Amino acid sequence: MQVKADALESTLRKSLHPIYIISGDDPLLMQESSDAIRSACKAAGYSERVVFDVDANFDWSQILAECNAISLFADRKIIEIRIPSAKVGKDGGAAVRDICSTLNDDNVILICTGKLERGSDKSAWYKAIDAAGVCVVLWPPRRHELPHWVRGRLQTAGFRASDDAVRLLCERVEGNLLAASQEIEKLRLLLEPGHIDAEAMTSVISDSARFSPYDVADRALEGNPSAAIRTLNGLRAEGVDAYPILWFVSEELRKLLKLAAHRAAGMPMDQAIRTERMFSKPHLESAIQRLGTRGLHQLLKRCSIIDRCIKGLEQGDPWVELQSLVLKTAQAGTRPR
């Protein structure tokens, strides 16, 4: 069953399906959709959660074994499969079809992928999910659709915004949905619900220092611990949730790991960047040399632990853990100053 993002909540209220796939490249939409499915599963008694991060060398038999395993505590569980590259591969496609043929009431499968390549919806593995569960393809609003999207979010937050106020906010975020969500959350914290005009909008959004989750990852990979921590603390002070920051940092680490594999195989950096469809940044080569493949794997394992802390599945303060992750990323391979 194909479901649009704005219809996912109503679909979840009607019934819970045994398998879901969410695909897209917008972190806010990905986070909100996956959170909605997790919440519905938790409410239905799926109290255990197992997460698999899939890369090019992933052993899909691990997931098949988990699907067939009986929980020690007889709890129903969510089995989450994350595929940032959106490339399932031959083995992955076969495994997904096997998973779809052995679905049971004890598990809900949640597959989160990056933006799928053209024609993926015609593949046998995708059709198997479509037949057995729910497919959610997340498309961010286009430029002309953004004002409507922003107005709807403002209304949800309790604001009746003038056309000029909506236009100002759209210009400020430039299509960055995560930034728009952050600004609306700031408005909710600083202003009383009700009518908001351009003047009130400007007073809240125009003069504040801006930090971006992208900047946390960039400063850390540049090997600049003080700037990375300053940006992280700035985001926390602005009320940004820890999860999107972790998402950006872990995504950059995964991309760097792919570049490292290409470089180890002798591929020039420029070609590796084009192969992975990444933007060229001055620090990429030095970050690979500084962190190394082993160091990148260790940092990604740390990201997985922090994710569990954020979800309440493991003890620990997510912000303390994030700070530690950022410092380790920035300082690894450098001499103390």
Foldseek 3Di string as FASTA:
>chain_A
DEDELVCLLVVLVVDQFQEEEEEEAAVVSLVVNVVSNVVSCVVVFAPAEAEDEDDPPDDLVVVVCVQPDQDPVNGQHEYEYEAALLDQDDVSLVSLLVCLVDGDPSYHYYYYYYHHDPPPCVDPSNVSCVVRHYYYYYDQDDLVCQLVVLCVVLVVLQEREDPLLSVVLCVVCVSRVLVSNLLSVQCSVPDDHYYDYNVNSCVRPPPDDDADLLQLQVCLLLLNLVSNVVSLVVCVVSVHDLVVSLVNNLVVLVLLLQLLVCVVVPHDSVVSCVVSVHDDDPRSVVSCVQQPNVNSVVLNVLSVVLVCCSVVNDDDDSSVSVSVSSNCSSNRNHDDD
